[in-house]
Amino acid sequence: MTHAPHHTIQVVAHRGASEDAPEHTLAAYRKAIEDGADALECDVRLTADGHLVCVHDRRVNRTSNGRGAVSALELSDLSALDFGSWKSRGGRDEEPDWEHRPEDREETSVLTLERLLGLVADAGRRVELAIETKHPTRWAGQVEERLLTLLRRYGLHAPASPVRVMSFSARSLHRVHAAAPTLPLVLLAQFVTPRLRDGRLPEGVTIAGPSIRIARSHPAYVRRLKEAGHQVHVWTVNEPADVDLCVGLGVDAIITNRPRAVLDRLGR
């Protein structure tokens, strides 16, 4: 079953095509671009020596062969780690057919945001980038400051930029809006809080980022967001029934670990 929605729903690759390749690696993002994803999603954290790297967890233990907090490690420390071989472990029946090849070191080493920006620039078509700032962190506002410095260097802070900034932290989004008022901002939410239940978003934020759990349990809330004129980007949508739900609710973007499967479901 496929759907032909009245508007094109953007398909966003969550940490790259992260079901098929190790999350936040060049391999995952290259696969997402090959699969036809409209946009890529990444999380950014600041290293001890001031580099923004694409790592979801506060610590590197789950996704590498190392240990420790990203904020306490320098880029050289992270560059010595393997962020790919963990994907081959586990032995679950549904585990993707991922073959880790140590000789392809660049494909699975730690990914800096700057390197990811370069990949997007070389994609040969418009590929948008949704960057999530992770909080709390010992570096607080330095994360946003370094992020905006990098975006300015690449000319990606101006109107019509393919970049948007996401966070669960309203304070983080406020910092970005104060320094770069034209950048689109997404407030992520895992639960519907009383403060936001009526569909309002913080000043400067025009995109809501509810979880798929919210979309399932509170579809009326998604409709209120749309009625208030906001875009709605839902995460993390992997199952066909959830894709169908998002289509029915008229969401603007689906964030998924399976970009090719979602594009197929949407008839694209």
Foldseek 3Di string as FASTA:
>chain_A
DAAAFPDDAAEEAEQALCQAFPGVFQLRNVVRLVLPHQAYEFEWDAACVGFTWGDDDQWCVQQWVDTDGRNDHDPVVQQVIFRGPSLVDDPDPSRHPDDDDVVPSRRGGIGTVLVVVVCCVPSPDHYAYEYEYDDDDPVPQSVLVSVVVSCVVVVQLDAPRSYAYEYCDPVNVVSNCVVRVRHAYEHEDADDDPVCQQQDDPPSHQEYEYELVCCVPPVVSLLSVVVVVGAYEYPDDEDLVSLVSCSVSVHRYHHYSRRNVSCVNNVD
